[in-house]
Amino acid sequence: MFVIEKVRIEGLWDHKSIEFICDKNFNFLIGENGTGKTTIINLIAAVLLVDFEKLDKIPFKEVSIYLRKDKERKKAICDRCKKTKR
């Protein structure tokens, strides 16, 4: 099973960038109400599950999730393009 090694989110809510390295055993997201903890978890889940409906609801520019399984490494990237009018 792959584990999340690192998460990088650029342009969250169009202005915040976040990067954190994950421990292989357990991790905590700590912050006051309304600071985006649940949004970050939802964004990670949406990228890994390829949930386009959820991804469309969260404003971000790019999400990179680095995964590791023993010596094998993979990276999931979700890059958002701006919607254009037709």
N, C-alpha and C. Protein backbone atom coordinates (compact mmCIF):
# COMPACT_ATOMS: atom_id res chain seq x y z
N MET A 1 0.84 -1.18 0.00
CA MET A 1 0.00 0.00 0.00
C MET A 1 0.89 1.25 0.00
N PHE A 2 0.53 2.21 -0.82
CA PHE A 2 1.25 3.47 -0.87
C PHE A 2 0.85 4.34 0.31
N VAL A 3 1.80 5.10 0.83
CA VAL A 3 1.51 6.08 1.88
C VAL A 3 1.85 7.47 1.35
N ILE A 4 1.16 8.47 1.86
CA ILE A 4 1.44 9.85 1.45
C ILE A 4 2.71 10.31 2.14
N GLU A 5 3.67 10.73 1.34
CA GLU A 5 4.95 11.20 1.85
C GLU A 5 4.97 12.73 2.01
N LYS A 6 4.38 13.43 1.03
CA LYS A 6 4.38 14.89 1.06
C LYS A 6 3.20 15.41 0.27
N VAL A 7 2.68 16.56 0.69
CA VAL A 7 1.58 17.22 -0.01
C VAL A 7 1.97 18.66 -0.27
N ARG A 8 1.75 19.12 -1.50
CA ARG A 8 1.99 20.52 -1.84
C ARG A 8 0.74 21.05 -2.53
N ILE A 9 0.19 22.13 -1.98
CA ILE A 9 -1.00 22.77 -2.56
C ILE A 9 -0.63 24.20 -2.89
N GLU A 10 -0.83 24.59 -4.14
CA GLU A 10 -0.56 25.97 -4.56
C GLU A 10 -1.87 26.66 -4.89
N GLY A 11 -1.97 27.91 -4.52
CA GLY A 11 -3.13 28.73 -4.87
C GLY A 11 -4.43 28.32 -4.22
N LEU A 12 -4.36 27.76 -3.00
CA LEU A 12 -5.59 27.42 -2.28
C LEU A 12 -6.35 28.70 -1.99
N TRP A 13 -7.60 28.75 -2.33
CA TRP A 13 -8.45 29.94 -2.25
C TRP A 13 -7.82 31.10 -3.03
N ASP A 14 -7.07 30.75 -4.06
CA ASP A 14 -6.43 31.69 -4.98
C ASP A 14 -5.28 32.49 -4.37
N HIS A 15 -4.86 32.20 -3.13
CA HIS A 15 -3.76 32.99 -2.57
C HIS A 15 -2.84 32.25 -1.60
N LYS A 16 -3.21 31.09 -1.09
CA LYS A 16 -2.36 30.39 -0.12
C LYS A 16 -1.64 29.22 -0.77
N SER A 17 -0.40 29.01 -0.33
CA SER A 17 0.35 27.83 -0.74
C SER A 17 0.77 27.09 0.52
N ILE A 18 0.64 25.78 0.49
CA ILE A 18 0.89 24.94 1.66
C ILE A 18 1.74 23.76 1.22
N GLU A 19 2.70 23.38 2.05
CA GLU A 19 3.47 22.16 1.80
C GLU A 19 3.76 21.52 3.14
N PHE A 20 3.53 20.22 3.24
CA PHE A 20 3.88 19.52 4.47
C PHE A 20 4.33 18.10 4.16
N ILE A 21 5.25 17.63 4.99
CA ILE A 21 5.78 16.28 4.89
C ILE A 21 5.04 15.42 5.90
N CYS A 22 4.62 14.25 5.47
CA CYS A 22 3.82 13.36 6.32
C CYS A 22 4.71 12.31 6.98
N ASP A 23 4.37 11.98 8.21
CA ASP A 23 5.00 10.88 8.93
C ASP A 23 4.36 9.58 8.46
N LYS A 24 5.11 8.50 8.40
CA LYS A 24 4.54 7.26 7.90
C LYS A 24 3.56 6.61 8.87
N ASN A 25 3.57 7.00 10.14
CA ASN A 25 2.69 6.37 11.13
C ASN A 25 1.41 7.16 11.40
N PHE A 26 1.54 8.46 11.64
CA PHE A 26 0.36 9.28 11.92
C PHE A 26 0.66 10.75 11.70
N ASN A 27 -0.40 11.53 11.47
CA ASN A 27 -0.27 12.97 11.21
C ASN A 27 -1.46 13.70 11.79
N PHE A 28 -1.25 14.96 12.12
CA PHE A 28 -2.30 15.81 12.65
C PHE A 28 -2.35 17.11 11.86
N LEU A 29 -3.54 17.60 11.60
CA LEU A 29 -3.73 18.96 11.09
C LEU A 29 -4.40 19.73 12.21
N ILE A 30 -3.70 20.71 12.73
CA ILE A 30 -4.21 21.47 13.87
C ILE A 30 -4.37 22.92 13.46
N GLY A 31 -5.50 23.51 13.83
CA GLY A 31 -5.74 24.92 13.55
C GLY A 31 -7.10 25.34 14.06
N GLU A 32 -7.31 26.63 14.09
CA GLU A 32 -8.59 27.16 14.54
C GLU A 32 -9.68 26.83 13.53
N ASN A 33 -10.92 26.96 13.97
CA ASN A 33 -12.06 26.75 13.08
C ASN A 33 -11.97 27.69 11.89
N GLY A 34 -12.28 27.17 10.72
CA GLY A 34 -12.30 28.00 9.53
C GLY A 34 -10.96 28.22 8.86
N THR A 35 -9.91 27.51 9.31
CA THR A 35 -8.59 27.73 8.72
C THR A 35 -8.28 26.80 7.55
N GLY A 36 -9.18 25.83 7.26
CA GLY A 36 -9.02 25.01 6.07
C GLY A 36 -8.58 23.57 6.28
N LYS A 37 -8.59 23.09 7.50
CA LYS A 37 -8.17 21.71 7.76
C LYS A 37 -9.01 20.70 6.97
N THR A 38 -10.31 20.83 7.06
CA THR A 38 -11.21 19.91 6.35
C THR A 38 -11.08 20.10 4.84
N THR A 39 -10.91 21.32 4.39
CA THR A 39 -10.74 21.58 2.96
C THR A 39 -9.49 20.88 2.43
N ILE A 40 -8.40 20.91 3.18
CA ILE A 40 -7.16 20.25 2.77
C ILE A 40 -7.37 18.74 2.66
N ILE A 41 -8.02 18.14 3.67
CA ILE A 41 -8.29 16.70 3.64
C ILE A 41 -9.20 16.36 2.46
N ASN A 42 -10.24 17.16 2.25
CA ASN A 42 -11.16 16.92 1.12
C ASN A 42 -10.44 17.04 -0.22
N LEU A 43 -9.52 17.99 -0.33
CA LEU A 43 -8.77 18.18 -1.57
C LEU A 43 -7.85 16.99 -1.84
N ILE A 44 -7.16 16.52 -0.81
CA ILE A 44 -6.29 15.34 -0.96
C ILE A 44 -7.12 14.13 -1.40
N ALA A 45 -8.25 13.91 -0.74
CA ALA A 45 -9.12 12.78 -1.08
C ALA A 45 -9.64 12.91 -2.51
N ALA A 46 -10.04 14.10 -2.90
CA ALA A 46 -10.59 14.32 -4.25
C ALA A 46 -9.55 14.03 -5.33
N VAL A 47 -8.30 14.43 -5.09
CA VAL A 47 -7.24 14.15 -6.06
C VAL A 47 -6.99 12.65 -6.16
N LEU A 48 -6.87 11.98 -5.02
CA LEU A 48 -6.58 10.54 -5.03
C LEU A 48 -7.73 9.71 -5.58
N LEU A 49 -8.96 10.17 -5.37
CA LEU A 49 -10.13 9.45 -5.86
C LEU A 49 -10.62 9.93 -7.23
N VAL A 50 -9.93 10.93 -7.78
CA VAL A 50 -10.29 11.55 -9.06
C VAL A 50 -11.77 11.95 -9.03
N ASP A 51 -12.12 12.71 -8.00
CA ASP A 51 -13.49 13.19 -7.79
C ASP A 51 -13.62 14.58 -8.40
N PHE A 52 -13.97 14.65 -9.68
CA PHE A 52 -14.04 15.92 -10.40
C PHE A 52 -15.08 16.87 -9.81
N GLU A 53 -16.18 16.33 -9.34
CA GLU A 53 -17.23 17.17 -8.76
C GLU A 53 -16.72 17.92 -7.52
N LYS A 54 -16.01 17.21 -6.66
CA LYS A 54 -15.46 17.84 -5.46
C LYS A 54 -14.33 18.80 -5.82
N LEU A 55 -13.48 18.40 -6.78
CA LEU A 55 -12.38 19.27 -7.19
C LEU A 55 -12.88 20.59 -7.76
N ASP A 56 -14.01 20.55 -8.42
CA ASP A 56 -14.58 21.76 -9.01
C ASP A 56 -15.08 22.74 -7.96
N LYS A 57 -15.35 22.28 -6.76
CA LYS A 57 -15.89 23.13 -5.70
C LYS A 57 -14.82 23.83 -4.86
N ILE A 58 -13.57 23.35 -4.94
CA ILE A 58 -12.50 23.91 -4.11
C ILE A 58 -11.57 24.74 -4.99
N PRO A 59 -11.40 26.03 -4.69
CA PRO A 59 -10.51 26.86 -5.50
C PRO A 59 -9.03 26.60 -5.19
N PHE A 60 -8.28 26.15 -6.19
CA PHE A 60 -6.85 25.91 -6.05
C PHE A 60 -6.21 25.99 -7.43
N LYS A 61 -4.88 26.12 -7.44
CA LYS A 61 -4.16 26.15 -8.71
C LYS A 61 -3.58 24.77 -9.03
N GLU A 62 -2.87 24.17 -8.07
CA GLU A 62 -2.25 22.87 -8.30
C GLU A 62 -2.09 22.11 -6.99
N VAL A 63 -2.28 20.80 -7.05
CA VAL A 63 -2.05 19.92 -5.91
C VAL A 63 -1.09 18.83 -6.35
N SER A 64 -0.04 18.62 -5.57
CA SER A 64 0.90 17.52 -5.82
C SER A 64 0.93 16.64 -4.58
N ILE A 65 0.70 15.36 -4.76
CA ILE A 65 0.73 14.41 -3.65
C ILE A 65 1.81 13.38 -3.98
N TYR A 66 2.81 13.30 -3.12
CA TYR A 66 3.92 12.39 -3.31
C TYR A 66 3.64 11.12 -2.51
N LEU A 67 3.68 9.98 -3.19
CA LEU A 67 3.35 8.70 -2.57
C LEU A 67 4.58 7.80 -2.55
N ARG A 68 4.64 6.94 -1.52
CA ARG A 68 5.77 6.02 -1.39
C ARG A 68 5.29 4.65 -0.95
N LYS A 69 5.90 3.63 -1.54
CA LYS A 69 5.67 2.23 -1.14
C LYS A 69 7.03 1.55 -1.19
N ASP A 70 7.59 1.27 -0.03
CA ASP A 70 8.94 0.73 0.07
C ASP A 70 9.89 1.68 -0.67
N LYS A 71 10.56 1.22 -1.72
CA LYS A 71 11.48 2.09 -2.46
C LYS A 71 10.83 2.71 -3.69
N GLU A 72 9.59 2.34 -3.96
CA GLU A 72 8.87 2.87 -5.12
C GLU A 72 8.20 4.19 -4.76
N ARG A 73 8.33 5.17 -5.65
CA ARG A 73 7.71 6.47 -5.42
C ARG A 73 6.86 6.85 -6.62
N LYS A 74 5.75 7.53 -6.32
CA LYS A 74 4.86 8.04 -7.37
C LYS A 74 4.41 9.44 -6.97
N LYS A 75 3.90 10.18 -7.95
CA LYS A 75 3.41 11.52 -7.67
C LYS A 75 2.09 11.71 -8.41
N ALA A 76 1.06 12.14 -7.66
CA ALA A 76 -0.23 12.47 -8.26
C ALA A 76 -0.32 13.99 -8.34
N ILE A 77 -0.58 14.51 -9.53
CA ILE A 77 -0.67 15.96 -9.72
C ILE A 77 -2.03 16.30 -10.30
N CYS A 78 -2.64 17.31 -9.73
CA CYS A 78 -3.89 17.84 -10.27
C CYS A 78 -3.65 19.32 -10.52
N ASP A 79 -3.68 19.71 -11.78
CA ASP A 79 -3.43 21.09 -12.18
C ASP A 79 -4.74 21.66 -12.69
N ARG A 80 -5.19 22.74 -12.10
CA ARG A 80 -6.49 23.31 -12.48
C ARG A 80 -6.29 24.39 -13.53
N CYS A 81 -7.06 24.32 -14.58
CA CYS A 81 -7.08 25.35 -15.61
C CYS A 81 -8.30 26.22 -15.39
N LYS A 82 -8.17 27.49 -15.69
CA LYS A 82 -9.32 28.39 -15.53
C LYS A 82 -10.38 28.07 -16.57
N LYS A 83 -11.62 28.15 -16.13
CA LYS A 83 -12.73 27.92 -17.05
C LYS A 83 -12.83 29.08 -18.03
N THR A 84 -13.14 28.76 -19.26
CA THR A 84 -13.31 29.81 -20.27
C THR A 84 -14.76 29.81 -20.73
N LYS A 85 -15.22 30.97 -21.11
CA LYS A 85 -16.59 31.09 -21.62
C LYS A 85 -16.61 30.66 -23.07
N ARG A 86 -17.67 29.98 -23.47
CA ARG A 86 -17.81 29.53 -24.86
C ARG A 86 -18.86 30.32 -25.55
